[in-house]
Amino acid sequence: MGREVWLVDAFTSQMFGGNVAGVVPDANGLTDEQMQAIAAELAASETAFVLSPSAGVDADLRLRYFTPAVEVDLCGHATIGSMSSLFANGRIGGAGARTAVCRIETRVGVLPIVLGYKDGLAYAEMGQAAPRFRETDVNLDQLASWLGINPDDFDLTLPLGMSSTGLWDLFVPVKTLAVMNALNPDFGRLAAWNRELEVASTHLYTKETVHTSSDYHARDFSPALGIPEDPATGTASGALAALLHAHGHVAYGQHVTFEQGFEIHRDSYIEAHVEQGQNGEADSVFVGGPAVISLKGELAGL
């Protein structure tokens, strides 16, 4: 009998929308090399491997994340996809449960997950690591040339900088959807620059949206991770919400919706909010969305 695997579309209510993640719901016993090979075979942007927690760690599950090329510390859409699917299949909370909470061990720490149903679909909200920020000097003329746009297309009324709630990303604001549609990245240059900055992606965003129910429109380029364009990036959305909050654009408790993936026909909607830390603790950032399983199968011989 083979090893069970799923493909799950996260941050969408429709099959073939959102961001597809591979999920191995029981990865215990797999080697690092086998996990990397499975991720390459499934060819999703990331695959989540569900494991028992490490000895002494106060968690219910452990997740490891692999792109087709490398292991990464955290992946938002693979977390949302795997946790929603495990919950919908009764593997978290038990069969028939309508709500559940769990704690997952990741390489960035133990993160809380809240599970339930919204509009009939399993929905997961994940806590992220405490927000961090870094300053960087960006040559806008050079960056514009790498993105295939003009320097005056950047919207410097919004924050341009680096933020992390688990993975570092560079956030670049632009003025309009037309600029977003015109982007023509030089992926080789971006990949080298992202490695130099030690960020996962260059994440562009604008206040102009396709749908009035959304607050921001985004595109995410992660060529250093082997992902030219990501259709829904949960970790980056959380980090962007934290950056916007730090610069006064988002209030505590304000839920913001980021739309992403439209240019590559994988429409996605990612919800995020920032909660104020209590008793001297760091602020908390949460990212959530639904997910649907598009494929169930098994890998023979594993």
Protein backbone atom coordinates (compact mmCIF):
# COMPACT_ATOMS: atom_id res chain seq x y z
CA MET A 1 0.00 0.00 0.00
CA GLY A 2 1.32 3.44 -0.92
CA ARG A 3 1.75 6.71 0.93
CA GLU A 4 -1.37 8.91 0.88
CA VAL A 5 -0.96 12.31 -0.83
CA TRP A 6 -3.36 15.16 -1.55
CA LEU A 7 -3.37 18.26 -3.70
CA VAL A 8 -5.23 21.08 -1.96
CA ASP A 9 -6.23 24.50 -3.32
CA ALA A 10 -5.80 27.05 -0.51
CA PHE A 11 -7.25 30.54 -0.10
CA THR A 12 -10.12 29.76 -2.44
CA SER A 13 -13.59 28.26 -2.38
CA GLN A 14 -13.20 26.80 -5.88
CA MET A 15 -11.17 23.91 -7.23
CA PHE A 16 -8.35 25.08 -9.49
CA GLY A 17 -8.28 28.50 -7.84
CA GLY A 18 -6.04 29.76 -5.06
CA ASN A 19 -2.63 28.24 -4.47
CA VAL A 20 -2.17 24.49 -4.80
CA ALA A 21 -0.23 22.72 -2.06
CA GLY A 22 0.86 19.15 -1.81
CA VAL A 23 -0.03 17.46 1.47
CA VAL A 24 1.32 14.20 2.86
CA PRO A 25 -1.05 13.63 5.80
CA ASP A 26 1.21 11.00 7.41
CA ALA A 27 4.88 11.59 6.67
CA ASN A 28 6.32 9.73 9.64
CA GLY A 29 9.20 7.51 8.56
CA LEU A 30 10.11 9.46 5.42
CA THR A 31 13.71 10.62 5.02
CA ASP A 32 14.66 14.17 4.09
CA GLU A 33 15.64 12.93 0.64
CA GLN A 34 12.27 11.21 0.16
CA MET A 35 10.38 14.34 1.21
CA GLN A 36 12.35 16.44 -1.25
CA ALA A 37 11.73 13.90 -4.02
CA ILE A 38 7.99 13.79 -3.26
CA ALA A 39 7.78 17.59 -3.38
CA ALA A 40 9.53 17.58 -6.74
CA GLU A 41 7.21 14.86 -8.04
CA LEU A 42 4.03 16.65 -6.91
CA ALA A 43 5.41 19.90 -8.39
CA ALA A 44 3.26 22.15 -6.20
CA SER A 45 4.94 25.37 -5.10
CA GLU A 46 5.16 23.84 -1.61
CA THR A 47 4.29 20.48 -0.09
CA ALA A 48 3.48 20.10 3.61
CA PHE A 49 4.58 16.93 5.39
CA VAL A 50 2.56 16.14 8.52
CA LEU A 51 4.55 14.46 11.29
CA SER A 52 4.31 13.68 14.97
CA PRO A 53 5.77 16.50 17.11
CA SER A 54 9.36 16.30 18.27
CA ALA A 55 10.02 14.90 21.73
CA GLY A 56 9.46 17.51 24.42
CA VAL A 57 7.67 19.99 22.14
CA ASP A 58 4.20 21.10 23.27
CA ALA A 59 2.43 20.68 19.94
CA ASP A 60 -0.18 18.43 18.35
CA LEU A 61 1.51 18.04 14.98
CA ARG A 62 4.74 18.95 13.24
CA LEU A 63 4.88 20.36 9.71
CA ARG A 64 7.81 20.47 7.33
CA TYR A 65 7.61 22.33 4.02
CA PHE A 66 9.44 21.64 0.77
CA THR A 67 9.38 23.44 -2.55
CA PRO A 68 10.37 21.31 -5.55
CA ALA A 69 13.93 22.54 -4.92
CA VAL A 70 14.51 23.21 -1.19
CA GLU A 71 13.07 22.95 2.30
CA VAL A 72 11.65 26.23 3.69
CA ASP A 73 10.91 27.23 7.27
CA LEU A 74 7.22 28.04 6.85
CA CYS A 75 4.52 28.17 4.19
CA GLY A 76 1.19 29.86 4.78
CA HIS A 77 -0.88 28.32 2.01
CA ALA A 78 0.43 24.81 2.68
CA THR A 79 -0.45 25.26 6.36
CA ILE A 80 -3.96 26.50 5.56
CA GLY A 81 -4.43 23.73 3.00
CA SER A 82 -3.13 20.88 5.14
CA MET A 83 -4.88 21.92 8.37
CA SER A 84 -8.23 22.62 6.68
CA SER A 85 -8.11 19.27 4.89
CA LEU A 86 -7.13 17.28 7.97
CA PHE A 87 -9.96 18.97 9.87
CA ALA A 88 -12.53 18.37 7.11
CA ASN A 89 -11.52 14.69 7.04
CA GLY A 90 -11.91 14.27 10.81
CA ARG A 91 -8.19 13.90 11.50
CA ILE A 92 -8.16 17.00 13.70
CA GLY A 93 -10.99 17.38 16.20
CA GLY A 94 -12.61 14.07 15.29
CA ALA A 95 -15.32 13.13 12.80
CA GLY A 96 -18.15 15.66 12.65
CA ALA A 97 -16.37 18.39 14.62
CA ARG A 98 -17.43 21.91 13.67
CA THR A 99 -14.55 23.71 15.41
CA ALA A 100 -11.11 22.73 16.67
CA VAL A 101 -7.84 24.25 17.79
CA CYS A 102 -4.36 22.78 17.52
CA ARG A 103 -0.72 23.73 17.82
CA ILE A 104 1.75 22.95 15.06
CA GLU A 105 5.50 22.67 15.41
CA THR A 106 7.44 24.41 12.61
CA ARG A 107 11.02 25.55 12.16
CA VAL A 108 9.97 29.08 13.20
CA GLY A 109 8.29 27.88 16.41
CA VAL A 110 4.99 26.45 17.60
CA LEU A 111 2.04 28.21 15.95
CA PRO A 112 -1.66 28.16 16.92
CA ILE A 113 -4.29 27.05 14.42
CA VAL A 114 -8.03 27.75 14.75
CA LEU A 115 -10.33 25.62 12.59
CA GLY A 116 -13.97 25.87 11.69
CA TYR A 117 -16.39 26.23 8.82
CA LYS A 118 -17.29 29.36 6.88
CA ASP A 119 -19.89 29.33 4.09
CA GLY A 120 -19.84 25.53 4.24
CA LEU A 121 -16.10 25.16 3.70
CA ALA A 122 -13.39 24.16 6.15
CA TYR A 123 -11.50 27.31 7.16
CA ALA A 124 -8.18 27.63 8.95
CA GLU A 125 -6.62 30.61 10.65
CA MET A 126 -2.95 30.36 11.54
CA GLY A 127 -1.01 32.42 14.03
CA GLN A 128 2.34 33.55 12.73
CA ALA A 129 5.67 34.32 14.33
CA ALA A 130 6.10 37.71 16.03
CA PRO A 131 6.54 40.45 13.41
CA ARG A 132 10.02 41.76 12.68
CA PHE A 133 11.18 44.55 10.37
CA ARG A 134 14.40 45.47 8.57
CA GLU A 135 15.40 48.62 6.77
CA THR A 136 16.97 48.44 3.33
CA ASP A 137 18.18 50.90 0.75
CA VAL A 138 16.51 50.17 -2.57
CA ASN A 139 17.74 51.62 -5.84
CA LEU A 140 14.32 52.33 -7.37
CA ASP A 141 15.68 52.89 -10.87
CA GLN A 142 17.40 49.51 -10.80
CA LEU A 143 14.40 47.74 -9.27
CA ALA A 144 12.06 49.29 -11.84
CA SER A 145 14.26 48.01 -14.67
CA TRP A 146 14.22 44.49 -13.18
CA LEU A 147 10.41 44.62 -12.94
CA GLY A 148 9.88 46.10 -16.40
CA ILE A 149 8.19 49.29 -15.14
CA ASN A 150 9.09 52.95 -14.58
CA PRO A 151 10.46 54.40 -11.30
CA ASP A 152 7.46 56.71 -10.97
CA ASP A 153 5.16 53.66 -10.90
CA PHE A 154 6.11 53.02 -7.25
CA ASP A 155 3.66 54.34 -4.63
CA LEU A 156 5.84 55.74 -1.86
CA THR A 157 2.82 56.81 0.19
CA LEU A 158 2.80 53.14 1.26
CA PRO A 159 5.64 51.34 3.06
CA LEU A 160 8.50 49.84 1.07
CA GLY A 161 10.59 47.56 3.24
CA MET A 162 11.27 44.12 4.65
CA SER A 163 9.08 42.32 7.15
CA SER A 164 8.83 38.82 8.57
CA THR A 165 6.25 36.80 10.47
CA GLY A 166 8.18 33.61 9.78
CA LEU A 167 9.87 34.32 6.44
CA TRP A 168 11.48 37.58 5.32
CA ASP A 169 9.95 39.27 2.26
CA LEU A 170 10.59 42.56 0.51
CA PHE A 171 7.39 44.57 0.03
CA VAL A 172 7.15 47.01 -2.86
CA PRO A 173 4.08 49.24 -3.35
CA VAL A 174 2.95 50.34 -6.82
CA LYS A 175 0.28 52.81 -7.83
CA THR A 176 -2.26 50.93 -9.94
CA LEU A 177 -3.56 47.64 -11.27
CA ALA A 178 -2.30 48.70 -14.68
CA VAL A 179 1.23 48.71 -13.30
CA MET A 180 0.62 45.27 -11.79
CA ASN A 181 -0.54 43.93 -15.14
CA ALA A 182 2.49 45.45 -16.89
CA LEU A 183 5.08 43.76 -14.66
CA ASN A 184 7.65 41.78 -16.65
CA PRO A 185 10.20 40.59 -14.10
CA ASP A 186 13.78 39.61 -14.82
CA PHE A 187 13.64 36.51 -12.65
CA GLY A 188 17.38 35.91 -12.75
CA ARG A 189 18.11 39.38 -11.37
CA LEU A 190 15.34 39.13 -8.78
CA ALA A 191 16.51 35.71 -7.61
CA ALA A 192 20.08 36.93 -7.11
CA TRP A 193 18.88 40.06 -5.32
CA ASN A 194 16.52 38.12 -3.05
CA ARG A 195 19.38 35.81 -2.06
CA GLU A 196 21.58 38.84 -1.35
CA LEU A 197 18.85 40.38 0.84
CA GLU A 198 18.04 36.98 2.39
CA VAL A 199 14.34 37.31 1.57
CA ALA A 200 11.94 34.72 0.22
CA SER A 201 10.27 37.00 -2.30
CA THR A 202 9.71 40.39 -3.84
CA HIS A 203 6.05 41.03 -3.03
CA LEU A 204 4.33 43.86 -4.88
CA TYR A 205 1.05 45.39 -3.75
CA THR A 206 -1.35 48.21 -4.54
CA LYS A 207 -4.44 49.77 -2.97
CA GLU A 208 -6.29 49.50 -6.29
CA THR A 209 -8.19 46.20 -6.38
CA VAL A 210 -10.21 44.10 -8.80
CA HIS A 211 -12.98 43.55 -6.24
CA THR A 212 -14.32 46.19 -3.87
CA SER A 213 -14.42 43.60 -1.08
CA SER A 214 -10.61 43.41 -1.18
CA ASP A 215 -8.30 45.94 0.47
CA TYR A 216 -5.10 45.34 -1.49
CA HIS A 217 -4.05 43.58 -4.69
CA ALA A 218 -0.74 41.69 -4.68
CA ARG A 219 1.72 39.74 -6.80
CA ASP A 220 4.53 37.63 -5.33
CA PHE A 221 7.75 36.69 -7.12
CA SER A 222 9.90 34.02 -5.40
CA PRO A 223 12.40 32.88 -8.06
CA ALA A 224 15.12 32.24 -5.46
CA LEU A 225 12.87 29.47 -4.11
CA GLY A 226 12.13 28.08 -7.57
CA ILE A 227 8.70 29.79 -7.74
CA PRO A 228 8.55 32.47 -10.45
CA GLU A 229 5.11 33.69 -9.29
CA ASP A 230 3.12 32.49 -6.30
CA PRO A 231 -0.68 32.76 -6.60
CA ALA A 232 -1.37 33.07 -2.85
CA THR A 233 1.28 33.73 -0.22
CA GLY A 234 0.02 33.42 3.34
CA THR A 235 3.27 34.17 5.16
CA ALA A 236 3.91 37.26 3.04
CA SER A 237 0.33 38.46 3.56
CA GLY A 238 0.78 38.27 7.32
CA ALA A 239 4.09 40.09 7.14
CA LEU A 240 2.55 42.75 4.89
CA ALA A 241 -0.34 43.27 7.32
CA ALA A 242 2.24 43.75 10.08
CA LEU A 243 4.22 46.23 7.97
CA LEU A 244 1.09 48.20 7.09
CA HIS A 245 0.12 48.27 10.75
CA ALA A 246 3.58 49.47 11.79
CA HIS A 247 3.22 52.41 9.39
CA GLY A 248 -0.31 53.33 10.48
CA HIS A 249 -2.25 51.95 7.52
CA VAL A 250 -3.95 49.08 9.38
CA ALA A 251 -5.41 49.25 12.90
CA TYR A 252 -5.27 46.58 15.58
CA GLY A 253 -8.03 44.06 14.98
CA GLN A 254 -8.78 45.35 11.47
CA HIS A 255 -9.28 42.45 9.07
CA VAL A 256 -7.77 43.10 5.66
CA THR A 257 -8.23 41.04 2.52
CA PHE A 258 -5.43 40.64 0.01
CA GLU A 259 -6.39 39.46 -3.47
CA GLN A 260 -3.63 37.70 -5.38
CA GLY A 261 -3.02 35.36 -8.29
CA PHE A 262 -5.37 37.07 -10.76
CA GLU A 263 -2.69 37.62 -13.39
CA ILE A 264 -1.96 33.87 -13.52
CA HIS A 265 -5.64 32.84 -13.34
CA ARG A 266 -5.51 31.47 -9.77
CA ASP A 267 -7.74 33.97 -7.98
CA SER A 268 -7.03 33.96 -4.24
CA TYR A 269 -8.31 35.83 -1.19
CA ILE A 270 -6.17 35.94 1.94
CA GLU A 271 -7.47 37.43 5.19
CA ALA A 272 -5.08 38.84 7.80
CA HIS A 273 -5.20 40.89 10.98
CA VAL A 274 -2.89 42.10 13.74
CA GLU A 275 -3.76 41.80 17.43
CA GLN A 276 -2.05 43.89 20.10
CA GLY A 277 0.29 42.01 22.41
CA GLN A 278 -0.71 41.80 26.05
CA ASN A 279 1.45 42.13 29.18
CA GLY A 280 4.54 43.11 27.24
CA GLU A 281 4.23 40.34 24.68
CA ALA A 282 4.80 40.93 20.96
CA ASP A 283 1.87 41.67 18.66
CA SER A 284 0.17 38.64 17.10
CA VAL A 285 -0.50 38.26 13.39
CA PHE A 286 -3.12 35.89 11.98
CA VAL A 287 -3.75 34.73 8.41
CA GLY A 288 -6.75 32.70 7.31
CA GLY A 289 -8.74 31.29 4.46
CA PRO A 290 -10.63 28.25 3.14
CA ALA A 291 -9.26 25.35 1.14
CA VAL A 292 -10.62 22.56 -1.05
CA ILE A 293 -9.06 19.19 -1.89
CA SER A 294 -8.71 18.78 -5.65
CA LEU A 295 -6.99 15.38 -5.73
CA LYS A 296 -6.42 12.38 -3.48
CA GLY A 297 -4.02 9.59 -4.34
CA GLU A 298 -1.06 7.58 -3.18
CA LEU A 299 2.60 7.21 -3.96
CA ALA A 300 3.47 3.56 -4.54
CA GLY A 301 6.19 1.90 -2.55
CA LEU A 302 6.48 4.46 0.25
